[in-house]
């Protein structure tokens, strides 16, 4: 007895030679991100006539994954004779929502430059900058309309070194050579 899947048949995907070649290139290229390879395999399997359940089983995915990417591929198909989108673009994630950045890279650079200055040059009666002093000076200079000193502290902390502050090796001190007792 021949297995016939239950439920509605998924929409058929028909690939042009150019699309098929682009998808196969994505799958074969070693530098392609894994998620794009999986998505390209989904589309190639769908174009070969497999349904979503078969694709999910063959690629060891949840059933929702082939369903989503089959539909996304169809939704991003060019209308008529329009320029086809690159396969990688059609298989990329959609832009995620979120708040836009509040501060620009230029503002960040100006803040770092301010923190590197000597406070006395800014007519500040302190010998070293504090977060509160840097915040007040940044607002005074118009770098920011308003910003909290806590946010300034986060900016400055993030701009610090990325390496570990302590040696990672068990004993990173230089070894003495010579025959005396350790000091």
N, C-alpha and C. Protein backbone atom coordinates (compact mmCIF):
# COMPACT_ATOMS: atom_id res chain seq x y z
N UNK A 1 0.84 -1.16 0.00
CA UNK A 1 0.00 0.00 0.00
C UNK A 1 0.90 1.24 0.00
N UNK A 2 0.58 2.19 -0.81
CA UNK A 2 1.35 3.42 -0.95
C UNK A 2 0.95 4.42 0.11
N UNK A 3 1.96 5.06 0.74
CA UNK A 3 1.70 6.05 1.78
C UNK A 3 1.21 7.34 1.14
N UNK A 4 0.08 7.84 1.59
CA UNK A 4 -0.41 9.14 1.13
C UNK A 4 -0.55 10.03 2.34
N UNK A 5 0.13 11.18 2.33
CA UNK A 5 0.06 12.07 3.48
C UNK A 5 -1.34 12.65 3.66
N UNK A 6 -1.72 12.82 4.94
CA UNK A 6 -3.01 13.41 5.24
C UNK A 6 -2.90 14.92 5.21
N UNK A 7 -3.99 15.57 5.06
CA UNK A 7 -4.02 17.02 5.10
C UNK A 7 -3.80 17.63 3.73
N UNK A 8 -3.87 18.94 3.68
CA UNK A 8 -3.71 19.62 2.39
C UNK A 8 -2.27 19.52 1.88
N UNK A 9 -2.16 19.49 0.58
CA UNK A 9 -0.82 19.47 -0.01
C UNK A 9 -0.20 20.86 0.11
N UNK A 10 1.09 20.90 0.43
CA UNK A 10 1.75 22.21 0.52
C UNK A 10 1.90 22.81 -0.87
N UNK A 11 1.99 24.14 -0.95
CA UNK A 11 2.16 24.77 -2.26
C UNK A 11 3.42 24.27 -2.95
N UNK A 12 3.35 24.12 -4.23
CA UNK A 12 4.46 23.61 -5.04
C UNK A 12 5.49 24.71 -5.26
N UNK A 13 6.75 24.35 -5.18
CA UNK A 13 7.83 25.28 -5.48
C UNK A 13 8.47 24.86 -6.79
N UNK A 14 8.54 25.79 -7.71
CA UNK A 14 9.20 25.56 -8.99
C UNK A 14 10.40 26.49 -9.05
N UNK A 15 11.57 25.90 -9.25
CA UNK A 15 12.81 26.68 -9.27
C UNK A 15 13.31 26.86 -10.69
N UNK A 16 13.76 28.06 -11.00
CA UNK A 16 14.45 28.29 -12.26
C UNK A 16 15.84 27.66 -12.15
N UNK A 17 16.49 27.49 -13.28
CA UNK A 17 17.85 26.93 -13.25
C UNK A 17 18.78 27.83 -12.43
N UNK A 18 18.58 29.13 -12.55
CA UNK A 18 19.40 30.09 -11.82
C UNK A 18 19.17 29.95 -10.31
N UNK A 19 17.92 29.81 -9.88
CA UNK A 19 17.61 29.65 -8.46
C UNK A 19 18.17 28.33 -7.91
N UNK A 20 17.99 27.26 -8.68
CA UNK A 20 18.49 25.96 -8.25
C UNK A 20 20.01 26.00 -8.08
N UNK A 21 20.70 26.60 -9.04
CA UNK A 21 22.15 26.70 -8.98
C UNK A 21 22.58 27.54 -7.77
N UNK A 22 21.88 28.63 -7.51
CA UNK A 22 22.22 29.49 -6.36
C UNK A 22 22.03 28.72 -5.05
N UNK A 23 20.94 27.96 -4.93
CA UNK A 23 20.70 27.18 -3.71
C UNK A 23 21.74 26.08 -3.53
N UNK A 24 22.08 25.39 -4.61
CA UNK A 24 23.09 24.34 -4.52
C UNK A 24 24.46 24.91 -4.16
N UNK A 25 24.75 26.10 -4.65
CA UNK A 25 26.01 26.77 -4.30
C UNK A 25 26.03 27.10 -2.81
N UNK A 26 24.91 27.59 -2.29
CA UNK A 26 24.82 27.88 -0.85
C UNK A 26 25.08 26.62 -0.02
N UNK A 27 24.50 25.51 -0.44
CA UNK A 27 24.64 24.26 0.30
C UNK A 27 26.08 23.76 0.25
N UNK A 28 26.75 23.90 -0.88
CA UNK A 28 28.08 23.33 -1.05
C UNK A 28 29.21 24.22 -0.52
N UNK A 29 28.97 25.53 -0.42
CA UNK A 29 30.02 26.44 0.02
C UNK A 29 30.29 26.24 1.50
N UNK A 30 31.54 26.12 1.87
CA UNK A 30 31.92 25.86 3.27
C UNK A 30 31.73 27.07 4.16
N UNK A 31 31.65 28.25 3.57
CA UNK A 31 31.54 29.47 4.37
C UNK A 31 30.10 29.91 4.58
N UNK A 32 29.15 29.18 4.05
CA UNK A 32 27.74 29.54 4.23
C UNK A 32 27.32 29.22 5.65
N UNK A 33 26.58 30.14 6.26
CA UNK A 33 26.07 29.92 7.61
C UNK A 33 25.17 28.68 7.62
N UNK A 34 25.25 27.92 8.71
CA UNK A 34 24.51 26.67 8.82
C UNK A 34 23.01 26.87 8.61
N UNK A 35 22.45 27.94 9.17
CA UNK A 35 21.01 28.16 9.03
C UNK A 35 20.62 28.38 7.57
N UNK A 36 21.49 29.03 6.78
CA UNK A 36 21.18 29.20 5.36
C UNK A 36 21.27 27.88 4.61
N UNK A 37 22.22 27.03 5.00
CA UNK A 37 22.35 25.72 4.36
C UNK A 37 21.08 24.90 4.60
N UNK A 38 20.60 24.89 5.84
CA UNK A 38 19.39 24.13 6.17
C UNK A 38 18.20 24.67 5.37
N UNK A 39 18.07 25.98 5.31
CA UNK A 39 16.96 26.59 4.58
C UNK A 39 17.04 26.29 3.09
N UNK A 40 18.25 26.32 2.52
CA UNK A 40 18.41 26.00 1.10
C UNK A 40 18.05 24.54 0.84
N UNK A 41 18.43 23.64 1.76
CA UNK A 41 18.07 22.23 1.61
C UNK A 41 16.56 22.04 1.67
N UNK A 42 15.91 22.82 2.51
CA UNK A 42 14.44 22.75 2.60
C UNK A 42 13.82 23.11 1.26
N UNK A 43 14.28 24.19 0.66
CA UNK A 43 13.70 24.64 -0.61
C UNK A 43 14.01 23.64 -1.72
N UNK A 44 15.23 23.12 -1.75
CA UNK A 44 15.57 22.12 -2.77
C UNK A 44 14.72 20.86 -2.62
N UNK A 45 14.49 20.43 -1.39
CA UNK A 45 13.65 19.25 -1.16
C UNK A 45 12.20 19.54 -1.54
N UNK A 46 11.73 20.73 -1.23
CA UNK A 46 10.35 21.10 -1.59
C UNK A 46 10.19 21.14 -3.10
N UNK A 47 11.21 21.65 -3.79
CA UNK A 47 11.15 21.70 -5.25
C UNK A 47 11.19 20.30 -5.85
N UNK A 48 11.80 19.33 -5.13
CA UNK A 48 11.85 17.95 -5.60
C UNK A 48 10.52 17.23 -5.38
N UNK A 49 9.57 17.90 -4.72
CA UNK A 49 8.24 17.32 -4.56
C UNK A 49 7.96 16.76 -3.18
N UNK A 50 8.88 16.87 -2.24
CA UNK A 50 8.64 16.37 -0.89
C UNK A 50 7.68 17.30 -0.14
N UNK A 51 6.86 16.72 0.72
CA UNK A 51 5.98 17.56 1.53
C UNK A 51 6.71 17.98 2.80
N UNK A 52 6.08 18.83 3.59
CA UNK A 52 6.74 19.38 4.78
C UNK A 52 7.12 18.29 5.79
N UNK A 53 6.26 17.30 5.96
CA UNK A 53 6.54 16.23 6.92
C UNK A 53 7.76 15.41 6.47
N UNK A 54 7.85 15.13 5.20
CA UNK A 54 8.99 14.37 4.70
C UNK A 54 10.29 15.17 4.84
N UNK A 55 10.23 16.45 4.56
CA UNK A 55 11.41 17.31 4.69
C UNK A 55 11.84 17.38 6.15
N UNK A 56 10.87 17.56 7.03
CA UNK A 56 11.16 17.64 8.47
C UNK A 56 11.82 16.36 8.95
N UNK A 57 11.31 15.22 8.52
CA UNK A 57 11.87 13.94 8.93
C UNK A 57 13.27 13.75 8.35
N UNK A 58 13.46 14.04 7.07
CA UNK A 58 14.76 13.84 6.42
C UNK A 58 15.85 14.75 6.99
N UNK A 59 15.48 15.99 7.31
CA UNK A 59 16.46 16.95 7.81
C UNK A 59 16.47 17.06 9.33
N UNK A 60 15.63 16.23 9.97
CA UNK A 60 15.52 16.22 11.44
C UNK A 60 15.20 17.61 12.00
N UNK A 61 14.09 18.13 11.49
CA UNK A 61 13.61 19.45 11.91
C UNK A 61 12.20 19.32 12.45
N UNK A 62 11.73 20.36 13.10
CA UNK A 62 10.32 20.37 13.49
C UNK A 62 9.49 20.60 12.22
N UNK A 63 8.27 20.21 12.25
CA UNK A 63 7.39 20.35 11.08
C UNK A 63 7.18 21.82 10.71
N UNK A 64 7.23 22.70 11.70
CA UNK A 64 7.00 24.11 11.44
C UNK A 64 8.10 24.75 10.60
N UNK A 65 9.33 24.23 10.70
CA UNK A 65 10.46 24.85 10.00
C UNK A 65 10.31 24.75 8.48
N UNK A 66 10.08 23.57 7.90
CA UNK A 66 9.88 23.52 6.44
C UNK A 66 8.64 24.30 6.00
N UNK A 67 7.60 24.26 6.82
CA UNK A 67 6.38 25.00 6.49
C UNK A 67 6.68 26.50 6.40
N UNK A 68 7.42 27.01 7.39
CA UNK A 68 7.75 28.44 7.41
C UNK A 68 8.58 28.84 6.21
N UNK A 69 9.66 28.08 5.94
CA UNK A 69 10.58 28.49 4.89
C UNK A 69 10.02 28.24 3.50
N UNK A 70 9.16 27.26 3.32
CA UNK A 70 8.48 27.08 2.03
C UNK A 70 7.62 28.30 1.74
N UNK A 71 6.85 28.72 2.75
CA UNK A 71 5.98 29.87 2.57
C UNK A 71 6.78 31.15 2.38
N UNK A 72 7.86 31.31 3.14
CA UNK A 72 8.70 32.51 3.00
C UNK A 72 9.30 32.58 1.61
N UNK A 73 9.73 31.43 1.06
CA UNK A 73 10.30 31.40 -0.29
C UNK A 73 9.25 31.83 -1.31
N UNK A 74 8.05 31.31 -1.16
CA UNK A 74 6.98 31.68 -2.09
C UNK A 74 6.58 33.15 -1.95
N UNK A 75 6.57 33.65 -0.72
CA UNK A 75 6.17 35.05 -0.48
C UNK A 75 7.19 36.04 -1.04
N UNK A 76 8.45 35.65 -1.12
CA UNK A 76 9.49 36.57 -1.60
C UNK A 76 9.79 36.38 -3.09
N UNK A 77 8.99 35.56 -3.74
CA UNK A 77 9.20 35.33 -5.18
C UNK A 77 8.90 36.63 -5.94
N UNK A 78 9.73 36.95 -6.94
CA UNK A 78 9.49 38.16 -7.72
C UNK A 78 8.22 38.02 -8.55
N UNK A 79 7.51 39.11 -8.69
CA UNK A 79 6.28 39.13 -9.48
C UNK A 79 6.63 39.40 -10.94
N UNK A 80 6.16 38.55 -11.82
CA UNK A 80 6.37 38.75 -13.25
C UNK A 80 7.83 38.65 -13.64
N UNK A 81 8.29 39.61 -14.41
CA UNK A 81 9.65 39.62 -14.93
C UNK A 81 10.59 40.45 -14.06
N UNK A 82 10.23 40.67 -12.84
CA UNK A 82 11.07 41.48 -11.95
C UNK A 82 12.40 40.78 -11.70
N UNK A 83 13.38 41.58 -11.32
CA UNK A 83 14.72 41.07 -11.00
C UNK A 83 14.61 40.09 -9.83
N UNK A 84 15.08 38.85 -9.98
CA UNK A 84 14.97 37.90 -8.87
C UNK A 84 15.90 38.28 -7.72
N UNK A 85 15.42 38.09 -6.52
CA UNK A 85 16.24 38.33 -5.34
C UNK A 85 17.25 37.20 -5.22
N UNK A 86 18.38 37.50 -4.67
CA UNK A 86 19.38 36.47 -4.44
C UNK A 86 18.82 35.44 -3.46
N UNK A 87 19.19 34.19 -3.65
CA UNK A 87 18.67 33.12 -2.80
C UNK A 87 19.01 33.37 -1.34
N UNK A 88 20.22 33.82 -1.05
CA UNK A 88 20.62 34.07 0.34
C UNK A 88 19.75 35.16 0.95
N UNK A 89 19.38 36.15 0.18
CA UNK A 89 18.53 37.23 0.67
C UNK A 89 17.14 36.69 0.99
N UNK A 90 16.63 35.84 0.12
CA UNK A 90 15.29 35.28 0.34
C UNK A 90 15.25 34.35 1.54
N UNK A 91 16.39 33.75 1.90
CA UNK A 91 16.44 32.81 3.01
C UNK A 91 16.95 33.45 4.31
N UNK A 92 17.19 34.74 4.28
CA UNK A 92 17.69 35.42 5.48
C UNK A 92 16.53 35.72 6.42
N UNK A 93 16.90 35.93 7.69
CA UNK A 93 15.90 36.30 8.68
C UNK A 93 15.31 37.66 8.34
N UNK A 94 14.07 37.85 8.73
CA UNK A 94 13.43 39.15 8.58
C UNK A 94 14.02 40.11 9.61
N UNK A 95 13.96 41.40 9.34
CA UNK A 95 14.46 42.35 10.34
C UNK A 95 13.68 42.20 11.64
N UNK A 96 14.38 42.28 12.73
CA UNK A 96 13.73 42.15 14.04
C UNK A 96 13.33 43.52 14.55
N UNK A 97 12.25 43.52 15.28
CA UNK A 97 11.78 44.77 15.85
C UNK A 97 12.65 45.13 17.04
N UNK A 98 12.54 46.32 17.45
CA UNK A 98 13.30 46.78 18.61
C UNK A 98 13.44 48.28 18.56
N UNK A 99 13.83 48.82 19.65
CA UNK A 99 13.99 50.27 19.73
C UNK A 99 15.21 50.68 18.91
N UNK A 100 15.11 51.80 18.21
CA UNK A 100 16.29 52.27 17.47
C UNK A 100 17.36 52.75 18.45
N UNK A 101 18.58 52.73 17.99
CA UNK A 101 19.68 53.17 18.83
C UNK A 101 19.47 54.63 19.24
N UNK A 102 19.73 54.92 20.51
CA UNK A 102 19.53 56.28 21.01
C UNK A 102 20.74 57.17 20.73
N UNK A 103 21.91 56.58 20.67
CA UNK A 103 23.12 57.36 20.53
C UNK A 103 23.91 56.88 19.33
N UNK A 104 24.57 57.82 18.68
CA UNK A 104 25.33 57.49 17.47
C UNK A 104 26.76 57.11 17.83
N UNK A 105 27.44 56.53 16.87
CA UNK A 105 28.85 56.18 17.06
C UNK A 105 29.68 57.45 17.26
N UNK A 106 29.30 58.53 16.59
CA UNK A 106 30.01 59.79 16.75
C UNK A 106 29.90 60.30 18.19
N UNK A 107 28.71 60.20 18.77
CA UNK A 107 28.54 60.62 20.17
C UNK A 107 29.40 59.77 21.10
N UNK A 108 29.44 58.48 20.83
CA UNK A 108 30.25 57.57 21.64
C UNK A 108 31.73 57.97 21.56
N UNK A 109 32.20 58.28 20.35
CA UNK A 109 33.61 58.67 20.17
C UNK A 109 33.89 59.98 20.89
N UNK A 110 32.95 60.92 20.82
CA UNK A 110 33.14 62.19 21.52
C UNK A 110 33.19 61.98 23.03
N UNK A 111 32.39 61.07 23.54
CA UNK A 111 32.40 60.78 24.97
C UNK A 111 33.74 60.17 25.39
N UNK A 112 34.26 59.26 24.60
CA UNK A 112 35.56 58.65 24.90
C UNK A 112 36.66 59.72 24.87
N UNK A 113 36.60 60.60 23.87
CA UNK A 113 37.60 61.67 23.79
C UNK A 113 37.51 62.58 25.01
N UNK A 114 36.31 62.89 25.44
CA UNK A 114 36.11 63.72 26.63
C UNK A 114 36.72 63.05 27.86
N UNK A 115 36.49 61.76 28.00
CA UNK A 115 37.00 61.03 29.16
C UNK A 115 38.53 60.98 29.16
N UNK A 116 39.15 61.13 27.99
CA UNK A 116 40.60 61.09 27.90
C UNK A 116 41.24 62.46 28.19
N UNK A 117 40.43 63.49 28.22
CA UNK A 117 40.95 64.84 28.50
C UNK A 117 41.25 65.01 29.98
N UNK A 118 42.04 66.01 30.29
CA UNK A 118 42.32 66.37 31.68
C UNK A 118 41.15 67.25 32.15
N UNK A 119 40.53 66.94 33.29
CA UNK A 119 39.37 67.71 33.75
C UNK A 119 39.66 69.20 33.94
N UNK A 120 40.87 69.56 34.31
CA UNK A 120 41.20 70.96 34.52
C UNK A 120 41.07 71.78 33.24
N UNK A 121 41.28 71.13 32.07
CA UNK A 121 41.15 71.82 30.79
C UNK A 121 39.70 72.22 30.51
N UNK A 122 38.77 71.61 31.20
CA UNK A 122 37.34 71.91 31.03
C UNK A 122 36.82 72.75 32.18
N UNK A 123 37.72 73.38 32.91
CA UNK A 123 37.35 74.20 34.06
C UNK A 123 36.58 73.40 35.10
N UNK A 124 36.97 72.16 35.30
CA UNK A 124 36.38 71.32 36.34
C UNK A 124 37.34 71.29 37.53
N UNK A 125 36.84 71.49 38.73
CA UNK A 125 37.72 71.54 39.91
C UNK A 125 38.06 70.16 40.47
N UNK A 126 38.32 69.22 39.60
CA UNK A 126 38.66 67.86 40.05
C UNK A 126 39.93 67.42 39.35
N UNK A 127 40.63 66.47 39.95
CA UNK A 127 41.85 65.97 39.33
C UNK A 127 41.58 64.76 38.43
N UNK A 128 40.48 64.04 38.71
CA UNK A 128 40.11 62.87 37.91
C UNK A 128 38.62 62.93 37.61
N UNK A 129 38.25 62.43 36.44
CA UNK A 129 36.84 62.42 36.05
C UNK A 129 36.06 61.42 36.90
N UNK A 130 34.87 61.77 37.25
CA UNK A 130 33.90 60.83 37.79
C UNK A 130 32.81 60.68 36.74
N UNK A 131 31.98 59.68 36.87
CA UNK A 131 30.89 59.53 35.91
C UNK A 131 30.00 60.76 35.91
N UNK A 132 29.72 61.27 37.08
CA UNK A 132 28.84 62.44 37.19
C UNK A 132 29.47 63.65 36.50
N UNK A 133 30.77 63.86 36.67
CA UNK A 133 31.46 64.99 36.04
C UNK A 133 31.49 64.84 34.52
N UNK A 134 31.76 63.64 34.04
CA UNK A 134 31.78 63.40 32.59
C UNK A 134 30.39 63.64 32.01
N UNK A 135 29.36 63.16 32.69
CA UNK A 135 27.98 63.35 32.22
C UNK A 135 27.65 64.83 32.12
N UNK A 136 27.95 65.57 33.17
CA UNK A 136 27.65 67.00 33.17
C UNK A 136 28.40 67.72 32.05
N UNK A 137 29.66 67.38 31.83
CA UNK A 137 30.45 68.03 30.79
C UNK A 137 29.94 67.64 29.40
N UNK A 138 29.54 66.40 29.21
CA UNK A 138 29.02 65.95 27.91
C UNK A 138 27.73 66.68 27.56
N UNK A 139 26.86 66.88 28.54
CA UNK A 139 25.61 67.62 28.31
C UNK A 139 25.93 69.09 28.06
N UNK A 140 26.86 69.65 28.82
CA UNK A 140 27.25 71.06 28.68
C UNK A 140 27.79 71.32 27.27
N UNK A 141 28.59 70.38 26.75
CA UNK A 141 29.17 70.54 25.41
C UNK A 141 28.18 70.23 24.29
N UNK A 142 27.03 69.69 24.64
CA UNK A 142 26.03 69.38 23.61
C UNK A 142 26.25 68.04 22.93
N UNK A 143 27.08 67.19 23.50
CA UNK A 143 27.27 65.86 22.92
C UNK A 143 25.96 65.08 23.03
N UNK A 144 25.29 65.22 24.18
CA UNK A 144 24.00 64.59 24.41
C UNK A 144 23.03 65.66 24.92
N UNK A 145 21.77 65.55 24.54
CA UNK A 145 20.76 66.45 25.11
C UNK A 145 20.56 66.09 26.58
N UNK A 146 20.49 64.81 26.83
CA UNK A 146 20.43 64.31 28.21
C UNK A 146 20.91 62.87 28.21
N UNK A 147 21.55 62.48 29.30
CA UNK A 147 22.04 61.12 29.46
C UNK A 147 22.30 60.92 30.94
N UNK A 148 22.06 59.73 31.42
CA UNK A 148 22.31 59.46 32.84
C UNK A 148 23.78 59.11 33.05
N UNK A 149 24.26 59.39 34.26
CA UNK A 149 25.66 59.05 34.52
C UNK A 149 25.85 57.54 34.56
N UNK A 150 24.79 56.81 34.82
CA UNK A 150 24.87 55.35 34.78
C UNK A 150 25.10 54.86 33.36
N UNK A 151 24.41 55.51 32.41
CA UNK A 151 24.58 55.15 31.00
C UNK A 151 25.99 55.51 30.54
N UNK A 152 26.50 56.65 30.97
CA UNK A 152 27.87 57.04 30.65
C UNK A 152 28.84 55.97 31.18
N UNK A 153 28.58 55.53 32.42
CA UNK A 153 29.43 54.49 33.00
C UNK A 153 29.42 53.22 32.17
N UNK A 154 28.24 52.83 31.66
CA UNK A 154 28.15 51.64 30.81
C UNK A 154 28.92 51.83 29.51
N UNK A 155 28.79 53.02 28.91
CA UNK A 155 29.55 53.32 27.69
C UNK A 155 31.04 53.16 27.93
N UNK A 156 31.52 53.75 29.01
CA UNK A 156 32.95 53.74 29.28
C UNK A 156 33.44 52.35 29.67
N UNK A 157 32.63 51.60 30.37
CA UNK A 157 33.02 50.25 30.75
C UNK A 157 33.12 49.36 29.51
N UNK A 158 32.18 49.52 28.59
CA UNK A 158 32.17 48.73 27.37
C UNK A 158 33.38 49.07 26.49
N UNK A 159 33.86 50.29 26.57
CA UNK A 159 34.99 50.71 25.76
C UNK A 159 36.32 50.24 26.30
N UNK A 160 36.30 49.54 27.43
CA UNK A 160 37.53 49.06 28.04
C UNK A 160 38.10 47.87 27.30
N UNK A 161 39.19 47.33 27.82
CA UNK A 161 39.84 46.21 27.14
C UNK A 161 38.96 44.96 27.16
N UNK A 162 39.03 44.21 26.08
CA UNK A 162 38.25 42.98 25.96
C UNK A 162 38.98 41.79 26.57
N UNK A 163 40.28 41.94 26.83
CA UNK A 163 41.04 40.82 27.37
C UNK A 163 40.84 40.71 28.87
N UNK A 164 41.14 39.57 29.40
CA UNK A 164 41.00 39.35 30.84
C UNK A 164 41.99 40.21 31.60
N UNK A 165 41.58 40.82 32.72
CA UNK A 165 42.50 41.68 33.46
C UNK A 165 43.58 40.89 34.19
N UNK A 166 43.33 39.62 34.50
CA UNK A 166 44.30 38.79 35.21
C UNK A 166 44.88 37.77 34.25
N UNK A 167 46.10 37.31 34.52
CA UNK A 167 46.69 36.28 33.66
C UNK A 167 45.82 35.02 33.67
N UNK A 168 45.71 34.40 32.50
CA UNK A 168 44.89 33.20 32.39
C UNK A 168 45.65 31.94 32.75
N UNK A 169 46.98 32.00 32.70
CA UNK A 169 47.77 30.83 33.02
C UNK A 169 47.93 30.71 34.52
N UNK A 170 48.18 29.53 35.00
CA UNK A 170 48.28 29.30 36.44
C UNK A 170 49.38 30.14 37.06
N UNK A 171 50.54 30.20 36.43
CA UNK A 171 51.63 31.00 36.96
C UNK A 171 52.26 31.74 35.80
N UNK A 172 51.80 32.94 35.56
CA UNK A 172 52.27 33.71 34.41
C UNK A 172 53.46 34.58 34.74
N UNK A 173 53.96 34.51 35.99
CA UNK A 173 55.13 35.31 36.37
C UNK A 173 56.37 34.73 35.72
N UNK A 174 57.33 35.58 35.39
CA UNK A 174 58.57 35.06 34.80
C UNK A 174 59.33 34.22 35.83
N UNK A 175 59.92 33.16 35.39
CA UNK A 175 60.68 32.28 36.25
C UNK A 175 62.08 32.82 36.45
N UNK A 176 62.60 32.71 37.66
CA UNK A 176 63.96 33.14 37.95
C UNK A 176 64.93 32.06 37.50
N UNK A 177 66.02 32.51 37.02
CA UNK A 177 67.09 31.56 36.71
C UNK A 177 68.21 31.82 37.69
N UNK A 178 68.82 30.84 38.12
CA UNK A 178 69.89 31.02 39.10
C UNK A 178 69.63 30.12 40.29
N UNK A 179 70.56 30.08 41.17
CA UNK A 179 70.46 29.11 42.22
C UNK A 179 70.14 29.68 43.58
N UNK A 180 69.39 30.61 43.77
CA UNK A 180 69.07 31.10 45.10
C UNK A 180 67.73 30.58 45.56
N UNK A 181 67.44 30.83 46.79
CA UNK A 181 66.13 30.46 47.31
C UNK A 181 65.08 31.41 46.74
N UNK A 182 63.89 30.91 46.47
CA UNK A 182 62.86 31.80 45.93
C UNK A 182 62.57 32.93 46.89
N UNK A 183 62.32 34.11 46.35
CA UNK A 183 62.15 35.27 47.17
C UNK A 183 60.77 35.61 47.36
